[in-house]
Amino acid sequence: MIGARGPTIGDLWPICYSEPLFRHPIWFWKGQWRLDGWQNQFIFLTVFFVAIWLTLKRGHSFVEVVSPRADQIFVSVLKRGRDRLFPVRGSRAE
């Protein structure tokens, strides 16, 4: 209800909590965010980066629900990308 409306102020999307049993009550809120608004983009990016961080920390991801093998590949690709972007500095020879 908060983050879903069309591109113009008049494009409010109703929330019908009792559907499909009853058509009423229908709730509107004139303060709805645009679906492509900065608020929704911020929430998406936050959840996305937390999911990537948790994947790297735990060694498995949401892809595991679909296929454990695909999850292993996904995690290994993320780890290789992380290691390329942020190489671990080893002890230097003196």
PDB file of N, CA and C in Angstrom:
ATOM      1  N   MET A   1       0.825  -1.187   0.000  1.00  0.00           N
ATOM      2  CA  MET A   1       0.000   0.000   0.000  1.00  0.00           C
ATOM      3  C   MET A   1       0.873   1.257   0.000  1.00  0.00           C
ATOM      4  N   ILE A   2       2.021   1.197   0.619  1.00  0.00           N
ATOM      5  CA  ILE A   2       2.876   2.378   0.686  1.00  0.00           C
ATOM      6  C   ILE A   2       3.599   2.597  -0.630  1.00  0.00           C
ATOM      7  N   GLY A   3       4.175   1.557  -1.212  1.00  0.00           N
ATOM      8  CA  GLY A   3       5.071   1.743  -2.331  1.00  0.00           C
ATOM      9  C   GLY A   3       4.558   1.270  -3.664  1.00  0.00           C
ATOM     10  N   ALA A   4       3.316   1.550  -3.975  1.00  0.00           N
ATOM     11  CA  ALA A   4       2.809   1.055  -5.248  1.00  0.00           C
ATOM     12  C   ALA A   4       1.762   2.006  -5.821  1.00  0.00           C
ATOM     13  N   ARG A   5       2.187   2.835  -6.730  1.00  0.00           N
ATOM     14  CA  ARG A   5       1.247   3.636  -7.523  1.00  0.00           C
ATOM     15  C   ARG A   5       1.864   3.863  -8.883  1.00  0.00           C
ATOM     16  N   GLY A   6       1.053   4.318  -9.793  1.00  0.00           N
ATOM     17  CA  GLY A   6       1.517   4.568 -11.141  1.00  0.00           C
ATOM     18  C   GLY A   6       2.367   5.823 -11.231  1.00  0.00           C
ATOM     19  N   PRO A   7       2.702   6.237 -12.444  1.00  0.00           N
ATOM     20  CA  PRO A   7       3.602   7.366 -12.637  1.00  0.00           C
ATOM     21  C   PRO A   7       3.005   8.735 -12.301  1.00  0.00           C
ATOM     22  N   THR A   8       1.672   8.865 -12.276  1.00  0.00           N
ATOM     23  CA  THR A   8       1.074  10.155 -11.933  1.00  0.00           C
ATOM     24  C   THR A   8       0.347  10.056 -10.604  1.00  0.00           C
ATOM     25  N   ILE A   9       0.078  11.198 -10.007  1.00  0.00           N
ATOM     26  CA  ILE A   9      -0.585  11.254  -8.703  1.00  0.00           C
ATOM     27  C   ILE A   9      -1.949  10.561  -8.742  1.00  0.00           C
ATOM     28  N   GLY A  10      -2.639  10.618  -9.851  1.00  0.00           N
ATOM     29  CA  GLY A  10      -3.969  10.028  -9.953  1.00  0.00           C
ATOM     30  C   GLY A  10      -3.976   8.520 -10.136  1.00  0.00           C
ATOM     31  N   ASP A  11      -2.817   7.921 -10.335  1.00  0.00           N
ATOM     32  CA  ASP A  11      -2.737   6.474 -10.555  1.00  0.00           C
ATOM     33  C   ASP A  11      -2.568   5.710  -9.244  1.00  0.00           C
ATOM     34  N   LEU A  12      -3.527   5.859  -8.341  1.00  0.00           N
ATOM     35  CA  LEU A  12      -3.465   5.137  -7.078  1.00  0.00           C
ATOM     36  C   LEU A  12      -3.913   3.707  -7.292  1.00  0.00           C
ATOM     37  N   TRP A  13      -3.238   2.783  -6.620  1.00  0.00           N
ATOM     38  CA  TRP A  13      -3.584   1.378  -6.731  1.00  0.00           C
ATOM     39  C   TRP A  13      -4.306   0.964  -5.464  1.00  0.00           C
ATOM     40  N   PRO A  14      -5.515   0.463  -5.593  1.00  0.00           N
ATOM     41  CA  PRO A  14      -6.276   0.086  -4.401  1.00  0.00           C
ATOM     42  C   PRO A  14      -5.769  -1.221  -3.796  1.00  0.00           C
ATOM     43  N   ILE A  15      -6.004  -1.360  -2.506  1.00  0.00           N
ATOM     44  CA  ILE A  15      -5.686  -2.594  -1.792  1.00  0.00           C
ATOM     45  C   ILE A  15      -7.011  -3.188  -1.317  1.00  0.00           C
ATOM     46  N   CYS A  16      -7.320  -4.379  -1.802  1.00  0.00           N
ATOM     47  CA  CYS A  16      -8.554  -5.077  -1.417  1.00  0.00           C
ATOM     48  C   CYS A  16      -8.151  -6.300  -0.601  1.00  0.00           C
ATOM     49  N   TYR A  17      -8.086  -6.137   0.721  1.00  0.00           N
ATOM     50  CA  TYR A  17      -7.584  -7.207   1.570  1.00  0.00           C
ATOM     51  C   TYR A  17      -8.514  -8.409   1.631  1.00  0.00           C
ATOM     52  N   SER A  18      -9.805  -8.223   1.369  1.00  0.00           N
ATOM     53  CA  SER A  18     -10.750  -9.329   1.500  1.00  0.00           C
ATOM     54  C   SER A  18     -11.027 -10.052   0.187  1.00  0.00           C
ATOM     55  N   GLU A  19     -10.377  -9.630  -0.903  1.00  0.00           N
ATOM     56  CA  GLU A  19     -10.569 -10.353  -2.156  1.00  0.00           C
ATOM     57  C   GLU A  19      -9.903 -11.715  -2.071  1.00  0.00           C
ATOM     58  N   PRO A  20     -10.392 -12.722  -2.693  1.00  0.00           N
ATOM     59  CA  PRO A  20     -11.454 -12.806  -3.671  1.00  0.00           C
ATOM     60  C   PRO A  20     -12.835 -13.038  -3.060  1.00  0.00           C
ATOM     61  N   LEU A  21     -12.939 -13.060  -1.729  1.00  0.00           N
ATOM     62  CA  LEU A  21     -14.238 -13.333  -1.115  1.00  0.00           C
ATOM     63  C   LEU A  21     -15.187 -12.136  -1.201  1.00  0.00           C
ATOM     64  N   PHE A  22     -14.681 -10.950  -0.893  1.00  0.00           N
ATOM     65  CA  PHE A  22     -15.505  -9.746  -0.899  1.00  0.00           C
ATOM     66  C   PHE A  22     -14.779  -8.649  -1.660  1.00  0.00           C
ATOM     67  N   ARG A  23     -15.537  -7.779  -2.312  1.00  0.00           N
ATOM     68  CA  ARG A  23     -14.951  -6.672  -3.069  1.00  0.00           C
ATOM     69  C   ARG A  23     -14.669  -5.471  -2.171  1.00  0.00           C
ATOM     70  N   HIS A  24     -15.341  -5.383  -1.039  1.00  0.00           N
ATOM     71  CA  HIS A  24     -15.183  -4.222  -0.149  1.00  0.00           C
ATOM     72  C   HIS A  24     -14.719  -4.701   1.210  1.00  0.00           C
ATOM     73  N   PRO A  25     -13.971  -4.001   1.985  1.00  0.00           N
ATOM     74  CA  PRO A  25     -13.540  -2.629   1.776  1.00  0.00           C
ATOM     75  C   PRO A  25     -12.333  -2.540   0.834  1.00  0.00           C
ATOM     76  N   ILE A  26     -12.249  -1.423   0.152  1.00  0.00           N
ATOM     77  CA  ILE A  26     -11.117  -1.100  -0.712  1.00  0.00           C
ATOM     78  C   ILE A  26     -10.390   0.071  -0.066  1.00  0.00           C
ATOM     79  N   TRP A  27      -9.097  -0.072   0.118  1.00  0.00           N
ATOM     80  CA  TRP A  27      -8.313   0.972   0.773  1.00  0.00           C
ATOM     81  C   TRP A  27      -7.475   1.729  -0.258  1.00  0.00           C
ATOM     82  N   PHE A  28      -7.466   3.044  -0.107  1.00  0.00           N
ATOM     83  CA  PHE A  28      -6.595   3.922  -0.892  1.00  0.00           C
ATOM     84  C   PHE A  28      -5.791   4.766   0.077  1.00  0.00           C
ATOM     85  N   TRP A  29      -4.623   5.155  -0.349  1.00  0.00           N
ATOM     86  CA  TRP A  29      -3.831   6.099   0.420  1.00  0.00           C
ATOM     87  C   TRP A  29      -3.178   7.044  -0.570  1.00  0.00           C
ATOM     88  N   LYS A  30      -3.413   8.332  -0.398  1.00  0.00           N
ATOM     89  CA  LYS A  30      -2.925   9.309  -1.375  1.00  0.00           C
ATOM     90  C   LYS A  30      -1.427   9.563  -1.262  1.00  0.00           C
ATOM     91  N   GLY A  31      -0.787   9.010  -0.250  1.00  0.00           N
ATOM     92  CA  GLY A  31       0.652   9.188  -0.086  1.00  0.00           C
ATOM     93  C   GLY A  31       1.468   8.053  -0.665  1.00  0.00           C
ATOM     94  N   GLN A  32       0.882   7.241  -1.531  1.00  0.00           N
ATOM     95  CA  GLN A  32       1.611   6.107  -2.094  1.00  0.00           C
ATOM     96  C   GLN A  32       2.842   6.573  -2.861  1.00  0.00           C
ATOM     97  N   TRP A  33       3.919   5.792  -2.726  1.00  0.00           N
ATOM     98  CA  TRP A  33       5.127   6.078  -3.487  1.00  0.00           C
ATOM     99  C   TRP A  33       4.955   5.560  -4.897  1.00  0.00           C
ATOM    100  N   ARG A  34       5.676   6.179  -5.807  1.00  0.00           N
ATOM    101  CA  ARG A  34       5.727   5.633  -7.173  1.00  0.00           C
ATOM    102  C   ARG A  34       6.405   4.281  -7.127  1.00  0.00           C
ATOM    103  N   LEU A  35       5.976   3.383  -7.977  1.00  0.00           N
ATOM    104  CA  LEU A  35       6.573   2.054  -8.025  1.00  0.00           C
ATOM    105  C   LEU A  35       8.054   2.136  -8.384  1.00  0.00           C
ATOM    106  N   ASP A  36       8.422   3.126  -9.217  1.00  0.00           N
ATOM    107  CA  ASP A  36       9.828   3.325  -9.570  1.00  0.00           C
ATOM    108  C   ASP A  36      10.449   4.488  -8.798  1.00  0.00           C
ATOM    109  N   GLY A  37       9.862   4.843  -7.658  1.00  0.00           N
ATOM    110  CA  GLY A  37      10.349   5.957  -6.850  1.00  0.00           C
ATOM    111  C   GLY A  37      11.648   5.626  -6.130  1.00  0.00           C
ATOM    112  N   TRP A  38      12.301   6.662  -5.620  1.00  0.00           N
ATOM    113  CA  TRP A  38      13.593   6.478  -4.957  1.00  0.00           C
ATOM    114  C   TRP A  38      13.461   5.611  -3.717  1.00  0.00           C
ATOM    115  N   GLN A  39      12.303   5.667  -3.046  1.00  0.00           N
ATOM    116  CA  GLN A  39      12.117   4.872  -1.837  1.00  0.00           C
ATOM    117  C   GLN A  39      12.186   3.376  -2.154  1.00  0.00           C
ATOM    118  N   ASN A  40      11.473   2.966  -3.194  1.00  0.00           N
ATOM    119  CA  ASN A  40      11.477   1.555  -3.574  1.00  0.00           C
ATOM    120  C   ASN A  40      12.840   1.135  -4.117  1.00  0.00           C
ATOM    121  N   GLN A  41      13.514   2.024  -4.827  1.00  0.00           N
ATOM    122  CA  GLN A  41      14.845   1.702  -5.328  1.00  0.00           C
ATOM    123  C   GLN A  41      15.831   1.528  -4.174  1.00  0.00           C
ATOM    124  N   PHE A  42      15.714   2.379  -3.164  1.00  0.00           N
ATOM    125  CA  PHE A  42      16.582   2.272  -1.984  1.00  0.00           C
ATOM    126  C   PHE A  42      16.330   0.963  -1.244  1.00  0.00           C
ATOM    127  N   ILE A  43      15.064   0.617  -1.049  1.00  0.00           N
ATOM    128  CA  ILE A  43      14.726  -0.641  -0.364  1.00  0.00           C
ATOM    129  C   ILE A  43      15.258  -1.825  -1.166  1.00  0.00           C
ATOM    130  N   PHE A  44      15.078  -1.807  -2.481  1.00  0.00           N
ATOM    131  CA  PHE A  44      15.568  -2.900  -3.320  1.00  0.00           C
ATOM    132  C   PHE A  44      17.078  -3.056  -3.200  1.00  0.00           C
ATOM    133  N   LEU A  45      17.810  -1.940  -3.352  1.00  0.00           N
ATOM    134  CA  LEU A  45      19.273  -2.019  -3.302  1.00  0.00           C
ATOM    135  C   LEU A  45      19.765  -2.493  -1.942  1.00  0.00           C
ATOM    136  N   THR A  46      19.114  -2.047  -0.877  1.00  0.00           N
ATOM    137  CA  THR A  46      19.494  -2.482   0.463  1.00  0.00           C
ATOM    138  C   THR A  46      19.301  -3.982   0.624  1.00  0.00           C
ATOM    139  N   VAL A  47      18.134  -4.486   0.242  1.00  0.00           N
ATOM    140  CA  VAL A  47      17.866  -5.925   0.352  1.00  0.00           C
ATOM    141  C   VAL A  47      18.803  -6.719  -0.549  1.00  0.00           C
ATOM    142  N   PHE A  48      19.073  -6.210  -1.745  1.00  0.00           N
ATOM    143  CA  PHE A  48      19.961  -6.895  -2.686  1.00  0.00           C
ATOM    144  C   PHE A  48      21.367  -7.044  -2.108  1.00  0.00           C
ATOM    145  N   PHE A  49      21.935  -5.940  -1.603  1.00  0.00           N
ATOM    146  CA  PHE A  49      23.298  -6.005  -1.085  1.00  0.00           C
ATOM    147  C   PHE A  49      23.384  -6.807   0.214  1.00  0.00           C
ATOM    148  N   VAL A  50      22.347  -6.779   1.028  1.00  0.00           N
ATOM    149  CA  VAL A  50      22.327  -7.631   2.224  1.00  0.00           C
ATOM    150  C   VAL A  50      22.286  -9.099   1.816  1.00  0.00           C
ATOM    151  N   ALA A  51      21.504  -9.428   0.783  1.00  0.00           N
ATOM    152  CA  ALA A  51      21.437 -10.811   0.302  1.00  0.00           C
ATOM    153  C   ALA A  51      22.794 -11.267  -0.237  1.00  0.00           C
ATOM    154  N   ILE A  52      23.488 -10.411  -0.969  1.00  0.00           N
ATOM    155  CA  ILE A  52      24.816 -10.758  -1.491  1.00  0.00           C
ATOM    156  C   ILE A  52      25.805 -10.928  -0.338  1.00  0.00           C
ATOM    157  N   TRP A  53      25.761 -10.023   0.628  1.00  0.00           N
ATOM    158  CA  TRP A  53      26.658 -10.100   1.789  1.00  0.00           C
ATOM    159  C   TRP A  53      26.416 -11.392   2.569  1.00  0.00           C
ATOM    160  N   LEU A  54      25.143 -11.728   2.806  1.00  0.00           N
ATOM    161  CA  LEU A  54      24.826 -12.969   3.517  1.00  0.00           C
ATOM    162  C   LEU A  54      25.255 -14.199   2.721  1.00  0.00           C
ATOM    163  N   THR A  55      25.120 -14.129   1.410  1.00  0.00           N
ATOM    164  CA  THR A  55      25.560 -15.240   0.565  1.00  0.00           C
ATOM    165  C   THR A  55      27.057 -15.470   0.727  1.00  0.00           C
ATOM    166  N   LEU A  56      27.832 -14.406   0.688  1.00  0.00           N
ATOM    167  CA  LEU A  56      29.279 -14.542   0.831  1.00  0.00           C
ATOM    168  C   LEU A  56      29.663 -14.989   2.240  1.00  0.00           C
ATOM    169  N   LYS A  57      28.936 -14.541   3.230  1.00  0.00           N
ATOM    170  CA  LYS A  57      29.238 -14.892   4.619  1.00  0.00           C
ATOM    171  C   LYS A  57      28.881 -16.341   4.932  1.00  0.00           C
ATOM    172  N   ARG A  58      27.716 -16.789   4.465  1.00  0.00           N
ATOM    173  CA  ARG A  58      27.215 -18.122   4.820  1.00  0.00           C
ATOM    174  C   ARG A  58      27.602 -19.218   3.836  1.00  0.00           C
ATOM    175  N   GLY A  59      27.914 -18.850   2.603  1.00  0.00           N
ATOM    176  CA  GLY A  59      28.312 -19.843   1.621  1.00  0.00           C
ATOM    177  C   GLY A  59      27.159 -20.507   0.886  1.00  0.00           C
ATOM    178  N   HIS A  60      25.958 -19.999   1.053  1.00  0.00           N
ATOM    179  CA  HIS A  60      24.803 -20.474   0.279  1.00  0.00           C
ATOM    180  C   HIS A  60      23.834 -19.309   0.118  1.00  0.00           C
ATOM    181  N   SER A  61      22.930 -19.443  -0.866  1.00  0.00           N
ATOM    182  CA  SER A  61      22.058 -18.317  -1.193  1.00  0.00           C
ATOM    183  C   SER A  61      20.630 -18.783  -1.433  1.00  0.00           C
ATOM    184  N   PHE A  62      19.795 -17.856  -1.836  1.00  0.00           N
ATOM    185  CA  PHE A  62      18.397 -18.139  -2.167  1.00  0.00           C
ATOM    186  C   PHE A  62      18.273 -19.025  -3.404  1.00  0.00           C
ATOM    187  N   VAL A  63      19.320 -19.119  -4.210  1.00  0.00           N
ATOM    188  CA  VAL A  63      19.305 -19.955  -5.413  1.00  0.00           C
ATOM    189  C   VAL A  63      19.209 -21.432  -5.030  1.00  0.00           C
ATOM    190  N   GLU A  64      19.604 -21.761  -3.814  1.00  0.00           N
ATOM    191  CA  GLU A  64      19.579 -23.135  -3.329  1.00  0.00           C
ATOM    192  C   GLU A  64      18.169 -23.734  -3.358  1.00  0.00           C
ATOM    193  N   VAL A  65      17.152 -22.896  -3.266  1.00  0.00           N
ATOM    194  CA  VAL A  65      15.771 -23.364  -3.322  1.00  0.00           C
ATOM    195  C   VAL A  65      15.481 -23.991  -4.680  1.00  0.00           C
ATOM    196  N   VAL A  66      16.046 -23.424  -5.730  1.00  0.00           N
ATOM    197  CA  VAL A  66      15.822 -23.919  -7.087  1.00  0.00           C
ATOM    198  C   VAL A  66      16.720 -25.107  -7.387  1.00  0.00           C
ATOM    199  N   SER A  67      18.024 -24.964  -7.102  1.00  0.00           N
ATOM    200  CA  SER A  67      18.978 -26.016  -7.440  1.00  0.00           C
ATOM    201  C   SER A  67      20.233 -25.878  -6.574  1.00  0.00           C
ATOM    202  N   PRO A  68      20.560 -26.901  -5.802  1.00  0.00           N
ATOM    203  CA  PRO A  68      21.791 -26.832  -5.001  1.00  0.00           C
ATOM    204  C   PRO A  68      23.047 -26.676  -5.863  1.00  0.00           C
ATOM    205  N   ARG A  69      23.059 -27.298  -7.026  1.00  0.00           N
ATOM    206  CA  ARG A  69      24.225 -27.174  -7.929  1.00  0.00           C
ATOM    207  C   ARG A  69      24.345 -25.745  -8.457  1.00  0.00           C
ATOM    208  N   ALA A  70      23.225 -25.162  -8.856  1.00  0.00           N
ATOM    209  CA  ALA A  70      23.247 -23.765  -9.328  1.00  0.00           C
ATOM    210  C   ALA A  70      23.674 -22.832  -8.204  1.00  0.00           C
ATOM    211  N   ASP A  71      23.291 -23.158  -6.977  1.00  0.00           N
ATOM    212  CA  ASP A  71      23.692 -22.347  -5.829  1.00  0.00           C
ATOM    213  C   ASP A  71      25.209 -22.391  -5.649  1.00  0.00           C
ATOM    214  N   GLN A  72      25.802 -23.566  -5.782  1.00  0.00           N
ATOM    215  CA  GLN A  72      27.262 -23.677  -5.665  1.00  0.00           C
ATOM    216  C   GLN A  72      27.965 -22.839  -6.720  1.00  0.00           C
ATOM    217  N   ILE A  73      27.451 -22.863  -7.934  1.00  0.00           N
ATOM    218  CA  ILE A  73      28.044 -22.075  -9.022  1.00  0.00           C
ATOM    219  C   ILE A  73      27.888 -20.583  -8.735  1.00  0.00           C
ATOM    220  N   PHE A  74      26.687 -20.176  -8.316  1.00  0.00           N
ATOM    221  CA  PHE A  74      26.409 -18.775  -8.002  1.00  0.00           C
ATOM    222  C   PHE A  74      27.348 -18.264  -6.910  1.00  0.00           C
ATOM    223  N   VAL A  75      27.491 -19.040  -5.843  1.00  0.00           N
ATOM    224  CA  VAL A  75      28.348 -18.634  -4.727  1.00  0.00           C
ATOM    225  C   VAL A  75      29.812 -18.559  -5.170  1.00  0.00           C
ATOM    226  N   SER A  76      30.256 -19.517  -5.972  1.00  0.00           N
ATOM    227  CA  SER A  76      31.657 -19.487  -6.419  1.00  0.00           C
ATOM    228  C   SER A  76      31.931 -18.290  -7.323  1.00  0.00           C
ATOM    229  N   VAL A  77      30.964 -17.927  -8.167  1.00  0.00           N
ATOM    230  CA  VAL A  77      31.129 -16.738  -9.026  1.00  0.00           C
ATOM    231  C   VAL A  77      31.205 -15.475  -8.172  1.00  0.00           C
ATOM    232  N   LEU A  78      30.342 -15.378  -7.162  1.00  0.00           N
ATOM    233  CA  LEU A  78      30.392 -14.208  -6.271  1.00  0.00           C
ATOM    234  C   LEU A  78      31.716 -14.133  -5.525  1.00  0.00           C
ATOM    235  N   LYS A  79      32.202 -15.257  -5.053  1.00  0.00           N
ATOM    236  CA  LYS A  79      33.466 -15.257  -4.308  1.00  0.00           C
ATOM    237  C   LYS A  79      34.646 -14.882  -5.204  1.00  0.00           C
ATOM    238  N   ARG A  80      34.641 -15.379  -6.442  1.00  0.00           N
ATOM    239  CA  ARG A  80      35.713 -14.985  -7.369  1.00  0.00           C
ATOM    240  C   ARG A  80      35.665 -13.488  -7.662  1.00  0.00           C
ATOM    241  N   GLY A  81      34.456 -12.957  -7.852  1.00  0.00           N
ATOM    242  CA  GLY A  81      34.310 -11.520  -8.090  1.00  0.00           C
ATOM    243  C   GLY A  81      34.776 -10.702  -6.903  1.00  0.00           C
ATOM    244  N   ARG A  82      34.426 -11.161  -5.697  1.00  0.00           N
ATOM    245  CA  ARG A  82      34.868 -10.464  -4.488  1.00  0.00           C
ATOM    246  C   ARG A  82      36.381 -10.492  -4.377  1.00  0.00           C
ATOM    247  N   ASP A  83      36.978 -11.640  -4.653  1.00  0.00           N
ATOM    248  CA  ASP A  83      38.437 -11.766  -4.545  1.00  0.00           C
ATOM    249  C   ASP A  83      39.166 -10.921  -5.579  1.00  0.00           C
ATOM    250  N   ARG A  84      38.548 -10.722  -6.743  1.00  0.00           N
ATOM    251  CA  ARG A  84      39.174  -9.849  -7.752  1.00  0.00           C
ATOM    252  C   ARG A  84      39.061  -8.380  -7.361  1.00  0.00           C
ATOM    253  N   LEU A  85      37.902  -8.011  -6.831  1.00  0.00           N
ATOM    254  CA  LEU A  85      37.709  -6.611  -6.438  1.00  0.00           C
ATOM    255  C   LEU A  85      38.472  -6.251  -5.174  1.00  0.00           C
ATOM    256  N   PHE A  86      38.512  -7.188  -4.228  1.00  0.00           N
ATOM    257  CA  PHE A  86      39.143  -6.938  -2.932  1.00  0.00           C
ATOM    258  C   PHE A  86      40.145  -8.052  -2.626  1.00  0.00           C
ATOM    259  N   PRO A  87      41.303  -8.006  -3.270  1.00  0.00           N
ATOM    260  CA  PRO A  87      42.282  -9.079  -3.037  1.00  0.00           C
ATOM    261  C   PRO A  87      42.768  -9.074  -1.591  1.00  0.00           C
ATOM    262  N   VAL A  88      42.967 -10.276  -1.059  1.00  0.00           N
ATOM    263  CA  VAL A  88      43.474 -10.416   0.301  1.00  0.00           C
ATOM    264  C   VAL A  88      44.971 -10.235   0.267  1.00  0.00           C
ATOM    265  N   ARG A  89      45.460  -9.357   1.107  1.00  0.00           N
ATOM    266  CA  ARG A  89      46.896  -9.102   1.132  1.00  0.00           C
ATOM    267  C   ARG A  89      47.558 -10.143   2.030  1.00  0.00           C
ATOM    268  N   GLY A  90      48.481 -10.864   1.457  1.00  0.00           N
ATOM    269  CA  GLY A  90      49.214 -11.877   2.217  1.00  0.00           C
ATOM    270  C   GLY A  90      50.411 -11.248   2.907  1.00  0.00           C
ATOM    271  N   SER A  91      51.109 -12.070   3.648  1.00  0.00           N
ATOM    272  CA  SER A  91      52.321 -11.542   4.295  1.00  0.00           C
ATOM    273  C   SER A  91      53.403 -11.344   3.225  1.00  0.00           C
ATOM    274  N   ARG A  92      54.082 -10.251   3.294  1.00  0.00           N
ATOM    275  CA  ARG A  92      55.098  -9.983   2.273  1.00  0.00           C
ATOM    276  C   ARG A  92      56.454 -10.502   2.727  1.00  0.00           C
ATOM    277  N   ALA A  93      57.191 -10.975   1.755  1.00  0.00           N
ATOM    278  CA  ALA A  93      58.524 -11.496   2.044  1.00  0.00           C
ATOM    279  C   ALA A  93      59.476 -10.346   2.290  1.00  0.00           C
ATOM    280  N   GLU A  94      60.313 -10.502   3.287  1.00  0.00           N
ATOM    281  CA  GLU A  94      61.271  -9.438   3.614  1.00  0.00           C
ATOM    282  C   GLU A  94      62.648  -9.781   3.192  1.00  0.00           C
TER     283      GLU A  94
END
